[in-house]
Amino acid sequence: MLGVLFAVLSIVVLLGWIVRRREIRETVEGERPMVTDEVLRRILSEGELEVPEEEPLDEEEIRDAEDEFWDQTGWDDPEEFRP
């Protein structure tokens, strides 16, 4: 009995994972619109939606900041694990 319940729950989880992966893939590939209720209300009330221009990320600057962060001294030593 418990084995059957486990099998059914496994199938449900697997199907949920497959559906979610398909939704993510469609969104990334641009097949699925990314218009939320808030965006739709704003479009309907104002007649248009203004999207701010975003500057492209400077990957080298990000990498340098990350290296600087990890190179900082003053990190506390990890405490000993005691179960």
N, C-alpha and C. Protein backbone atom coordinates (compact mmCIF):
# COMPACT_ATOMS: atom_id res chain seq x y z
N MET A 1 0.82 -1.19 0.00
CA MET A 1 0.00 0.00 0.00
C MET A 1 0.87 1.26 0.00
N LEU A 2 1.88 1.26 0.86
CA LEU A 2 2.77 2.41 0.95
C LEU A 2 3.58 2.57 -0.34
N GLY A 3 3.94 1.47 -0.95
CA GLY A 3 4.68 1.51 -2.22
C GLY A 3 3.86 2.13 -3.33
N VAL A 4 2.57 1.82 -3.37
CA VAL A 4 1.69 2.40 -4.39
C VAL A 4 1.56 3.90 -4.18
N LEU A 5 1.39 4.32 -2.93
CA LEU A 5 1.29 5.75 -2.62
C LEU A 5 2.57 6.48 -3.03
N PHE A 6 3.72 5.88 -2.72
CA PHE A 6 4.99 6.47 -3.10
C PHE A 6 5.11 6.58 -4.61
N ALA A 7 4.68 5.56 -5.33
CA ALA A 7 4.76 5.57 -6.79
C ALA A 7 3.86 6.66 -7.37
N VAL A 8 2.65 6.80 -6.84
CA VAL A 8 1.73 7.83 -7.33
C VAL A 8 2.29 9.22 -7.05
N LEU A 9 2.80 9.44 -5.86
CA LEU A 9 3.38 10.74 -5.53
C LEU A 9 4.60 11.04 -6.39
N SER A 10 5.40 10.04 -6.69
CA SER A 10 6.56 10.22 -7.56
C SER A 10 6.13 10.65 -8.96
N ILE A 11 5.07 10.03 -9.47
CA ILE A 11 4.56 10.38 -10.80
C ILE A 11 4.04 11.81 -10.80
N VAL A 12 3.33 12.20 -9.75
CA VAL A 12 2.80 13.57 -9.66
C VAL A 12 3.95 14.58 -9.64
N VAL A 13 4.98 14.31 -8.86
CA VAL A 13 6.14 15.21 -8.79
C VAL A 13 6.84 15.28 -10.13
N LEU A 14 7.02 14.15 -10.78
CA LEU A 14 7.67 14.12 -12.08
C LEU A 14 6.87 14.92 -13.11
N LEU A 15 5.57 14.75 -13.15
CA LEU A 15 4.74 15.51 -14.09
C LEU A 15 4.80 17.00 -13.80
N GLY A 16 4.79 17.38 -12.53
CA GLY A 16 4.90 18.79 -12.16
C GLY A 16 6.23 19.37 -12.61
N TRP A 17 7.31 18.60 -12.47
CA TRP A 17 8.63 19.06 -12.89
C TRP A 17 8.67 19.26 -14.40
N ILE A 18 8.08 18.32 -15.15
CA ILE A 18 8.07 18.42 -16.61
C ILE A 18 7.29 19.65 -17.06
N VAL A 19 6.13 19.89 -16.47
CA VAL A 19 5.32 21.05 -16.83
C VAL A 19 6.08 22.34 -16.53
N ARG A 20 6.71 22.42 -15.37
CA ARG A 20 7.44 23.63 -14.99
C ARG A 20 8.63 23.88 -15.90
N ARG A 21 9.36 22.83 -16.26
CA ARG A 21 10.50 22.97 -17.19
C ARG A 21 10.03 23.49 -18.54
N ARG A 22 8.88 23.01 -19.02
CA ARG A 22 8.35 23.47 -20.30
C ARG A 22 7.99 24.95 -20.21
N GLU A 23 7.37 25.38 -19.10
CA GLU A 23 7.03 26.78 -18.93
C GLU A 23 8.28 27.66 -18.91
N ILE A 24 9.29 27.22 -18.21
CA ILE A 24 10.54 27.99 -18.14
C ILE A 24 11.18 28.09 -19.53
N ARG A 25 11.23 26.98 -20.25
CA ARG A 25 11.83 26.98 -21.59
C ARG A 25 11.07 27.91 -22.52
N GLU A 26 9.75 27.88 -22.48
CA GLU A 26 8.94 28.75 -23.33
C GLU A 26 9.17 30.22 -22.98
N THR A 27 9.31 30.52 -21.71
CA THR A 27 9.55 31.90 -21.30
C THR A 27 10.91 32.38 -21.78
N VAL A 28 11.93 31.54 -21.62
CA VAL A 28 13.29 31.92 -22.02
C VAL A 28 13.38 32.08 -23.53
N GLU A 29 12.72 31.22 -24.26
CA GLU A 29 12.78 31.28 -25.72
C GLU A 29 11.88 32.37 -26.29
N GLY A 30 11.12 33.04 -25.44
CA GLY A 30 10.27 34.14 -25.90
C GLY A 30 8.92 33.71 -26.43
N GLU A 31 8.57 32.46 -26.27
CA GLU A 31 7.28 31.97 -26.76
C GLU A 31 6.15 32.30 -25.79
N ARG A 32 6.50 32.65 -24.58
CA ARG A 32 5.50 32.92 -23.55
C ARG A 32 5.63 34.38 -23.10
N PRO A 33 4.56 35.14 -23.17
CA PRO A 33 4.67 36.56 -22.78
C PRO A 33 4.89 36.71 -21.29
N MET A 34 5.60 37.78 -20.93
CA MET A 34 5.89 38.03 -19.54
C MET A 34 5.13 39.27 -19.07
N VAL A 35 3.85 39.30 -19.32
CA VAL A 35 3.00 40.42 -18.92
C VAL A 35 2.24 40.01 -17.67
N THR A 36 2.50 40.71 -16.58
CA THR A 36 1.82 40.42 -15.33
C THR A 36 0.54 41.23 -15.23
N ASP A 37 -0.26 40.94 -14.22
CA ASP A 37 -1.50 41.69 -14.03
C ASP A 37 -1.21 43.17 -13.80
N GLU A 38 -0.16 43.46 -13.04
CA GLU A 38 0.20 44.85 -12.75
C GLU A 38 0.57 45.59 -14.04
N VAL A 39 1.35 44.95 -14.89
CA VAL A 39 1.76 45.57 -16.14
C VAL A 39 0.53 45.78 -17.03
N LEU A 40 -0.35 44.82 -17.08
CA LEU A 40 -1.55 44.94 -17.89
C LEU A 40 -2.44 46.08 -17.40
N ARG A 41 -2.62 46.20 -16.08
CA ARG A 41 -3.43 47.30 -15.54
C ARG A 41 -2.81 48.66 -15.89
N ARG A 42 -1.49 48.72 -15.81
CA ARG A 42 -0.81 49.98 -16.12
C ARG A 42 -0.97 50.33 -17.60
N ILE A 43 -0.87 49.36 -18.45
CA ILE A 43 -1.06 49.60 -19.89
C ILE A 43 -2.48 50.07 -20.15
N LEU A 44 -3.46 49.44 -19.53
CA LEU A 44 -4.85 49.81 -19.75
C LEU A 44 -5.16 51.20 -19.19
N SER A 45 -4.57 51.56 -18.05
CA SER A 45 -4.88 52.86 -17.45
C SER A 45 -4.12 54.01 -18.13
N GLU A 46 -2.87 53.79 -18.50
CA GLU A 46 -2.05 54.85 -19.08
C GLU A 46 -1.99 54.79 -20.60
N GLY A 47 -2.32 53.66 -21.16
CA GLY A 47 -2.28 53.52 -22.61
C GLY A 47 -0.92 53.09 -23.14
N GLU A 48 0.10 53.08 -22.28
CA GLU A 48 1.42 52.65 -22.71
C GLU A 48 2.22 52.21 -21.50
N LEU A 49 3.33 51.59 -21.75
CA LEU A 49 4.20 51.14 -20.68
C LEU A 49 5.61 51.59 -21.01
N GLU A 50 6.20 52.32 -20.10
CA GLU A 50 7.55 52.81 -20.31
C GLU A 50 8.51 51.90 -19.57
N VAL A 51 9.42 51.31 -20.29
CA VAL A 51 10.40 50.43 -19.70
C VAL A 51 11.72 51.19 -19.65
N PRO A 52 12.30 51.31 -18.45
CA PRO A 52 13.56 52.06 -18.36
C PRO A 52 14.68 51.35 -19.11
N GLU A 53 15.51 52.15 -19.75
CA GLU A 53 16.66 51.59 -20.45
C GLU A 53 17.67 51.08 -19.42
N GLU A 54 18.10 49.87 -19.57
CA GLU A 54 19.08 49.31 -18.66
C GLU A 54 20.42 49.26 -19.36
N GLU A 55 21.45 49.63 -18.62
CA GLU A 55 22.79 49.55 -19.15
C GLU A 55 23.25 48.10 -19.10
N PRO A 56 24.00 47.66 -20.09
CA PRO A 56 24.50 46.28 -20.03
C PRO A 56 25.47 46.12 -18.87
N LEU A 57 25.49 44.94 -18.30
CA LEU A 57 26.37 44.67 -17.17
C LEU A 57 27.82 44.59 -17.63
N ASP A 58 28.70 45.17 -16.84
CA ASP A 58 30.13 45.09 -17.10
C ASP A 58 30.66 43.87 -16.36
N GLU A 59 30.83 42.77 -17.08
CA GLU A 59 31.20 41.51 -16.45
C GLU A 59 32.58 41.58 -15.81
N GLU A 60 33.49 42.34 -16.40
CA GLU A 60 34.83 42.44 -15.81
C GLU A 60 34.78 43.20 -14.49
N GLU A 61 33.97 44.24 -14.42
CA GLU A 61 33.81 44.98 -13.16
C GLU A 61 33.19 44.09 -12.08
N ILE A 62 32.23 43.29 -12.47
CA ILE A 62 31.59 42.38 -11.53
C ILE A 62 32.61 41.35 -11.03
N ARG A 63 33.40 40.80 -11.93
CA ARG A 63 34.41 39.82 -11.56
C ARG A 63 35.44 40.42 -10.60
N ASP A 64 35.88 41.67 -10.90
CA ASP A 64 36.84 42.34 -10.03
C ASP A 64 36.26 42.58 -8.64
N ALA A 65 35.00 43.00 -8.57
CA ALA A 65 34.36 43.24 -7.28
C ALA A 65 34.23 41.94 -6.50
N GLU A 66 33.92 40.87 -7.18
CA GLU A 66 33.80 39.57 -6.51
C GLU A 66 35.16 39.11 -5.98
N ASP A 67 36.20 39.27 -6.80
CA ASP A 67 37.55 38.90 -6.34
C ASP A 67 37.97 39.73 -5.15
N GLU A 68 37.67 41.03 -5.19
CA GLU A 68 38.01 41.91 -4.07
C GLU A 68 37.28 41.47 -2.80
N PHE A 69 36.02 41.11 -2.95
CA PHE A 69 35.24 40.65 -1.80
C PHE A 69 35.86 39.42 -1.15
N TRP A 70 36.22 38.44 -1.97
CA TRP A 70 36.76 37.19 -1.43
C TRP A 70 38.18 37.36 -0.92
N ASP A 71 38.91 38.36 -1.41
CA ASP A 71 40.27 38.60 -0.95
C ASP A 71 40.34 39.36 0.37
N GLN A 72 39.23 39.90 0.83
CA GLN A 72 39.23 40.66 2.07
C GLN A 72 39.65 39.77 3.24
N THR A 73 40.39 40.38 4.16
CA THR A 73 40.76 39.64 5.36
C THR A 73 39.74 39.94 6.44
N GLY A 74 39.84 39.23 7.53
CA GLY A 74 38.92 39.48 8.62
C GLY A 74 37.78 38.49 8.67
N TRP A 75 37.87 37.46 7.85
CA TRP A 75 36.83 36.44 7.90
C TRP A 75 36.98 35.67 9.21
N ASP A 76 35.90 35.40 9.84
CA ASP A 76 35.92 34.60 11.05
C ASP A 76 36.19 33.14 10.70
N ASP A 77 36.96 32.48 11.55
CA ASP A 77 37.19 31.06 11.34
C ASP A 77 35.89 30.31 11.64
N PRO A 78 35.60 29.28 10.87
CA PRO A 78 34.36 28.53 11.11
C PRO A 78 34.40 27.86 12.48
N GLU A 79 33.23 27.82 13.09
CA GLU A 79 33.14 27.15 14.38
C GLU A 79 33.15 25.63 14.17
N GLU A 80 33.64 24.93 15.18
CA GLU A 80 33.68 23.49 15.09
C GLU A 80 32.26 22.92 15.16
N PHE A 81 31.98 21.99 14.28
CA PHE A 81 30.66 21.38 14.23
C PHE A 81 30.50 20.37 15.36
N ARG A 82 29.44 20.55 16.13
CA ARG A 82 29.15 19.62 17.22
C ARG A 82 27.69 19.19 17.10
N PRO A 83 27.48 17.93 16.72
CA PRO A 83 26.08 17.47 16.57
C PRO A 83 25.34 17.36 17.87
